[in-house]
Amino acid sequence: MEPSSKQLRVVISGRVQGVWFRGWAAGVVSGYGLDGWIRNRRDGTVEAVFAGPAAAVDDMVRECRRGPPAARVVAVECFDYADPVPPGFASLPSA
């Protein structure tokens, strides 16, 4: 990973399932050219990994704080993520 790149694992809570959050995020992330994945979690949160240029990752996290129109985001927690991230962006099965 380049010095100006970063990888974050992001956990979004609130009304974020059943509101097309994952589909919305996949569309938004393509505009930033980021790699990673997104999935629903059994606890009602949405979890994502964003990897790429640091500024674009930060912008995507800001977008997640708003979410799609039907979402009501309460919190966005960010954690460093060191595992390899394959190219592209995937919607994964719930965990």
N, C-alpha and C. Protein backbone atom coordinates (compact mmCIF):
# COMPACT_ATOMS: atom_id res chain seq x y z
N MET A 1 0.84 -1.18 0.00
CA MET A 1 0.00 0.00 0.00
C MET A 1 0.88 1.24 0.00
N GLU A 2 0.55 2.20 -0.83
CA GLU A 2 1.32 3.44 -0.93
C GLU A 2 1.14 4.28 0.33
N PRO A 3 2.13 5.15 0.64
CA PRO A 3 2.03 5.97 1.84
C PRO A 3 0.78 6.85 1.88
N SER A 4 0.31 7.31 0.73
CA SER A 4 -0.87 8.18 0.70
C SER A 4 -2.17 7.37 0.63
N SER A 5 -2.06 6.05 0.80
CA SER A 5 -3.23 5.17 0.77
C SER A 5 -3.59 4.75 2.19
N LYS A 6 -4.84 4.35 2.35
CA LYS A 6 -5.26 3.83 3.65
C LYS A 6 -6.35 2.80 3.47
N GLN A 7 -6.51 2.00 4.49
CA GLN A 7 -7.56 0.99 4.53
C GLN A 7 -8.28 1.13 5.87
N LEU A 8 -9.60 1.19 5.82
CA LEU A 8 -10.39 1.27 7.04
C LEU A 8 -11.50 0.24 7.02
N ARG A 9 -11.78 -0.31 8.19
CA ARG A 9 -13.00 -1.09 8.40
C ARG A 9 -13.97 -0.14 9.08
N VAL A 10 -15.18 -0.05 8.56
CA VAL A 10 -16.16 0.92 9.02
C VAL A 10 -17.42 0.17 9.44
N VAL A 11 -17.93 0.51 10.62
CA VAL A 11 -19.18 -0.09 11.11
C VAL A 11 -20.20 1.04 11.25
N ILE A 12 -21.30 0.91 10.51
CA ILE A 12 -22.33 1.95 10.47
C ILE A 12 -23.55 1.42 11.21
N SER A 13 -24.04 2.22 12.16
CA SER A 13 -25.21 1.79 12.92
C SER A 13 -26.33 2.81 12.81
N GLY A 14 -27.52 2.35 13.14
CA GLY A 14 -28.73 3.15 13.01
C GLY A 14 -29.72 2.37 12.17
N ARG A 15 -30.56 3.07 11.43
CA ARG A 15 -31.48 2.41 10.50
C ARG A 15 -30.73 2.28 9.17
N VAL A 16 -29.96 1.20 9.05
CA VAL A 16 -29.07 1.04 7.90
C VAL A 16 -29.28 -0.27 7.14
N GLN A 17 -30.17 -1.11 7.63
CA GLN A 17 -30.52 -2.32 6.89
C GLN A 17 -31.93 -2.18 6.36
N GLY A 18 -32.17 -2.74 5.19
CA GLY A 18 -33.49 -2.66 4.57
C GLY A 18 -33.76 -1.30 3.94
N VAL A 19 -32.72 -0.50 3.77
CA VAL A 19 -32.86 0.85 3.18
C VAL A 19 -31.95 1.02 1.97
N TRP A 20 -31.45 -0.10 1.42
CA TRP A 20 -30.58 -0.10 0.25
C TRP A 20 -29.22 0.54 0.52
N PHE A 21 -28.71 0.42 1.75
CA PHE A 21 -27.43 1.02 2.10
C PHE A 21 -26.29 0.39 1.30
N ARG A 22 -26.29 -0.93 1.21
CA ARG A 22 -25.18 -1.60 0.49
C ARG A 22 -25.16 -1.23 -0.98
N GLY A 23 -26.31 -1.24 -1.63
CA GLY A 23 -26.37 -0.86 -3.05
C GLY A 23 -25.97 0.58 -3.26
N TRP A 24 -26.44 1.45 -2.37
CA TRP A 24 -26.08 2.87 -2.44
C TRP A 24 -24.56 3.03 -2.31
N ALA A 25 -23.97 2.36 -1.31
CA ALA A 25 -22.53 2.48 -1.06
C ALA A 25 -21.73 1.97 -2.25
N ALA A 26 -22.16 0.88 -2.86
CA ALA A 26 -21.44 0.35 -4.03
C ALA A 26 -21.43 1.37 -5.16
N GLY A 27 -22.53 2.07 -5.35
CA GLY A 27 -22.57 3.11 -6.38
C GLY A 27 -21.69 4.30 -6.06
N VAL A 28 -21.72 4.73 -4.81
CA VAL A 28 -20.92 5.88 -4.40
C VAL A 28 -19.43 5.55 -4.44
N VAL A 29 -19.07 4.38 -3.95
CA VAL A 29 -17.65 4.01 -3.87
C VAL A 29 -17.02 3.93 -5.26
N SER A 30 -17.80 3.57 -6.28
CA SER A 30 -17.24 3.48 -7.62
C SER A 30 -16.75 4.85 -8.09
N GLY A 31 -17.42 5.91 -7.67
CA GLY A 31 -16.99 7.26 -8.03
C GLY A 31 -15.67 7.66 -7.39
N TYR A 32 -15.33 7.00 -6.30
CA TYR A 32 -14.06 7.29 -5.62
C TYR A 32 -12.95 6.34 -6.04
N GLY A 33 -13.28 5.30 -6.80
CA GLY A 33 -12.27 4.35 -7.26
C GLY A 33 -11.66 3.52 -6.15
N LEU A 34 -12.44 3.21 -5.12
CA LEU A 34 -11.92 2.45 -3.98
C LEU A 34 -12.16 0.96 -4.15
N ASP A 35 -11.36 0.19 -3.46
CA ASP A 35 -11.53 -1.25 -3.37
C ASP A 35 -12.14 -1.56 -2.01
N GLY A 36 -12.68 -2.78 -1.88
CA GLY A 36 -13.19 -3.20 -0.58
C GLY A 36 -14.45 -4.02 -0.69
N TRP A 37 -15.23 -4.00 0.38
CA TRP A 37 -16.46 -4.78 0.44
C TRP A 37 -17.42 -4.18 1.46
N ILE A 38 -18.67 -4.65 1.41
CA ILE A 38 -19.70 -4.21 2.35
C ILE A 38 -20.62 -5.38 2.62
N ARG A 39 -21.17 -5.44 3.86
CA ARG A 39 -22.10 -6.50 4.22
C ARG A 39 -22.96 -6.08 5.41
N ASN A 40 -24.13 -6.69 5.51
CA ASN A 40 -24.97 -6.54 6.69
C ASN A 40 -24.42 -7.44 7.78
N ARG A 41 -24.62 -7.02 9.03
CA ARG A 41 -24.25 -7.88 10.16
C ARG A 41 -25.51 -8.22 10.95
N ARG A 42 -25.46 -9.36 11.59
CA ARG A 42 -26.64 -9.85 12.32
C ARG A 42 -27.07 -8.90 13.43
N ASP A 43 -26.17 -8.05 13.91
CA ASP A 43 -26.53 -7.12 14.99
C ASP A 43 -27.24 -5.87 14.47
N GLY A 44 -27.55 -5.83 13.16
CA GLY A 44 -28.29 -4.71 12.60
C GLY A 44 -27.42 -3.60 12.02
N THR A 45 -26.11 -3.74 12.14
CA THR A 45 -25.20 -2.75 11.57
C THR A 45 -24.80 -3.16 10.16
N VAL A 46 -24.14 -2.24 9.47
CA VAL A 46 -23.53 -2.52 8.18
C VAL A 46 -22.03 -2.35 8.37
N GLU A 47 -21.25 -3.28 7.85
CA GLU A 47 -19.79 -3.25 7.96
C GLU A 47 -19.20 -3.13 6.56
N ALA A 48 -18.18 -2.30 6.43
CA ALA A 48 -17.54 -2.13 5.13
C ALA A 48 -16.04 -1.97 5.32
N VAL A 49 -15.31 -2.29 4.27
CA VAL A 49 -13.87 -2.00 4.20
C VAL A 49 -13.66 -1.16 2.96
N PHE A 50 -12.98 -0.04 3.14
CA PHE A 50 -12.63 0.85 2.04
C PHE A 50 -11.12 0.96 1.98
N ALA A 51 -10.57 0.81 0.77
CA ALA A 51 -9.12 0.87 0.58
C ALA A 51 -8.80 1.67 -0.67
N GLY A 52 -7.81 2.55 -0.54
CA GLY A 52 -7.40 3.36 -1.68
C GLY A 52 -6.76 4.65 -1.22
N PRO A 53 -6.76 5.67 -2.07
CA PRO A 53 -6.17 6.95 -1.69
C PRO A 53 -6.82 7.47 -0.40
N ALA A 54 -5.99 7.96 0.52
CA ALA A 54 -6.46 8.37 1.84
C ALA A 54 -7.60 9.39 1.76
N ALA A 55 -7.49 10.37 0.89
CA ALA A 55 -8.53 11.40 0.79
C ALA A 55 -9.84 10.80 0.32
N ALA A 56 -9.80 9.84 -0.60
CA ALA A 56 -11.01 9.21 -1.11
C ALA A 56 -11.66 8.33 -0.03
N VAL A 57 -10.84 7.63 0.74
CA VAL A 57 -11.37 6.83 1.85
C VAL A 57 -12.07 7.75 2.85
N ASP A 58 -11.43 8.86 3.20
CA ASP A 58 -12.04 9.82 4.13
C ASP A 58 -13.36 10.37 3.57
N ASP A 59 -13.39 10.66 2.28
CA ASP A 59 -14.61 11.16 1.65
C ASP A 59 -15.73 10.11 1.72
N MET A 60 -15.38 8.85 1.51
CA MET A 60 -16.38 7.78 1.55
C MET A 60 -16.93 7.62 2.96
N VAL A 61 -16.08 7.75 3.96
CA VAL A 61 -16.55 7.68 5.35
C VAL A 61 -17.54 8.82 5.62
N ARG A 62 -17.24 10.00 5.11
CA ARG A 62 -18.18 11.13 5.26
C ARG A 62 -19.51 10.83 4.59
N GLU A 63 -19.46 10.22 3.41
CA GLU A 63 -20.70 9.84 2.71
C GLU A 63 -21.51 8.86 3.56
N CYS A 64 -20.82 7.92 4.22
CA CYS A 64 -21.50 6.92 5.04
C CYS A 64 -22.19 7.55 6.24
N ARG A 65 -21.69 8.67 6.69
CA ARG A 65 -22.34 9.35 7.83
C ARG A 65 -23.72 9.88 7.42
N ARG A 66 -23.92 10.11 6.13
CA ARG A 66 -25.23 10.53 5.61
C ARG A 66 -26.05 9.33 5.16
N GLY A 67 -25.46 8.48 4.34
CA GLY A 67 -26.15 7.31 3.84
C GLY A 67 -27.19 7.65 2.79
N PRO A 68 -27.92 6.63 2.31
CA PRO A 68 -28.97 6.87 1.33
C PRO A 68 -30.16 7.57 2.01
N PRO A 69 -31.09 8.10 1.21
CA PRO A 69 -32.19 8.88 1.77
C PRO A 69 -33.01 8.19 2.86
N ALA A 70 -33.27 6.88 2.73
CA ALA A 70 -34.11 6.18 3.71
C ALA A 70 -33.36 5.79 4.98
N ALA A 71 -32.04 5.91 4.99
CA ALA A 71 -31.25 5.53 6.17
C ALA A 71 -31.28 6.62 7.23
N ARG A 72 -31.07 6.21 8.45
CA ARG A 72 -30.89 7.13 9.57
C ARG A 72 -29.63 6.68 10.31
N VAL A 73 -28.49 7.22 9.91
CA VAL A 73 -27.21 6.83 10.48
C VAL A 73 -27.06 7.47 11.86
N VAL A 74 -26.76 6.63 12.85
CA VAL A 74 -26.57 7.09 14.22
C VAL A 74 -25.09 7.22 14.54
N ALA A 75 -24.28 6.26 14.06
CA ALA A 75 -22.85 6.28 14.35
C ALA A 75 -22.07 5.60 13.24
N VAL A 76 -20.84 6.06 13.04
CA VAL A 76 -19.90 5.45 12.12
C VAL A 76 -18.59 5.28 12.87
N GLU A 77 -18.20 4.03 13.09
CA GLU A 77 -16.96 3.74 13.79
C GLU A 77 -15.93 3.28 12.76
N CYS A 78 -14.70 3.79 12.88
CA CYS A 78 -13.64 3.45 11.93
C CYS A 78 -12.49 2.77 12.65
N PHE A 79 -11.96 1.73 12.01
CA PHE A 79 -10.86 0.95 12.56
C PHE A 79 -9.83 0.72 11.46
N ASP A 80 -8.55 0.75 11.82
CA ASP A 80 -7.51 0.40 10.84
C ASP A 80 -7.75 -1.04 10.39
N TYR A 81 -7.41 -1.31 9.14
CA TYR A 81 -7.62 -2.63 8.55
C TYR A 81 -6.37 -3.01 7.80
N ALA A 82 -5.73 -4.11 8.21
CA ALA A 82 -4.44 -4.47 7.62
C ALA A 82 -4.49 -5.68 6.69
N ASP A 83 -5.62 -6.38 6.64
CA ASP A 83 -5.71 -7.56 5.78
C ASP A 83 -5.67 -7.14 4.31
N PRO A 84 -5.22 -8.04 3.43
CA PRO A 84 -5.22 -7.71 2.00
C PRO A 84 -6.63 -7.45 1.50
N VAL A 85 -6.76 -6.47 0.62
CA VAL A 85 -8.06 -6.13 0.02
C VAL A 85 -7.93 -6.34 -1.48
N PRO A 86 -8.70 -7.30 -2.02
CA PRO A 86 -8.60 -7.53 -3.47
C PRO A 86 -9.17 -6.35 -4.25
N PRO A 87 -8.76 -6.23 -5.51
CA PRO A 87 -9.28 -5.15 -6.35
C PRO A 87 -10.79 -5.25 -6.53
N GLY A 88 -11.44 -4.12 -6.69
CA GLY A 88 -12.88 -4.07 -6.90
C GLY A 88 -13.62 -3.86 -5.59
N PHE A 89 -14.95 -3.81 -5.70
CA PHE A 89 -15.79 -3.60 -4.52
C PHE A 89 -16.91 -4.62 -4.56
N ALA A 90 -17.09 -5.36 -3.48
CA ALA A 90 -18.05 -6.47 -3.46
C ALA A 90 -19.08 -6.30 -2.36
N SER A 91 -20.28 -6.77 -2.61
CA SER A 91 -21.30 -6.87 -1.58
C SER A 91 -21.28 -8.32 -1.10
N LEU A 92 -20.93 -8.51 0.16
CA LEU A 92 -20.76 -9.85 0.72
C LEU A 92 -22.01 -10.31 1.44
N PRO A 93 -22.14 -11.64 1.65
CA PRO A 93 -23.27 -12.15 2.44
C PRO A 93 -23.21 -11.63 3.87
N SER A 94 -24.35 -11.60 4.52
CA SER A 94 -24.41 -11.15 5.91
C SER A 94 -23.51 -12.00 6.80
N ALA A 95 -23.03 -11.38 7.87
CA ALA A 95 -22.15 -12.09 8.81
C ALA A 95 -22.70 -11.96 10.21
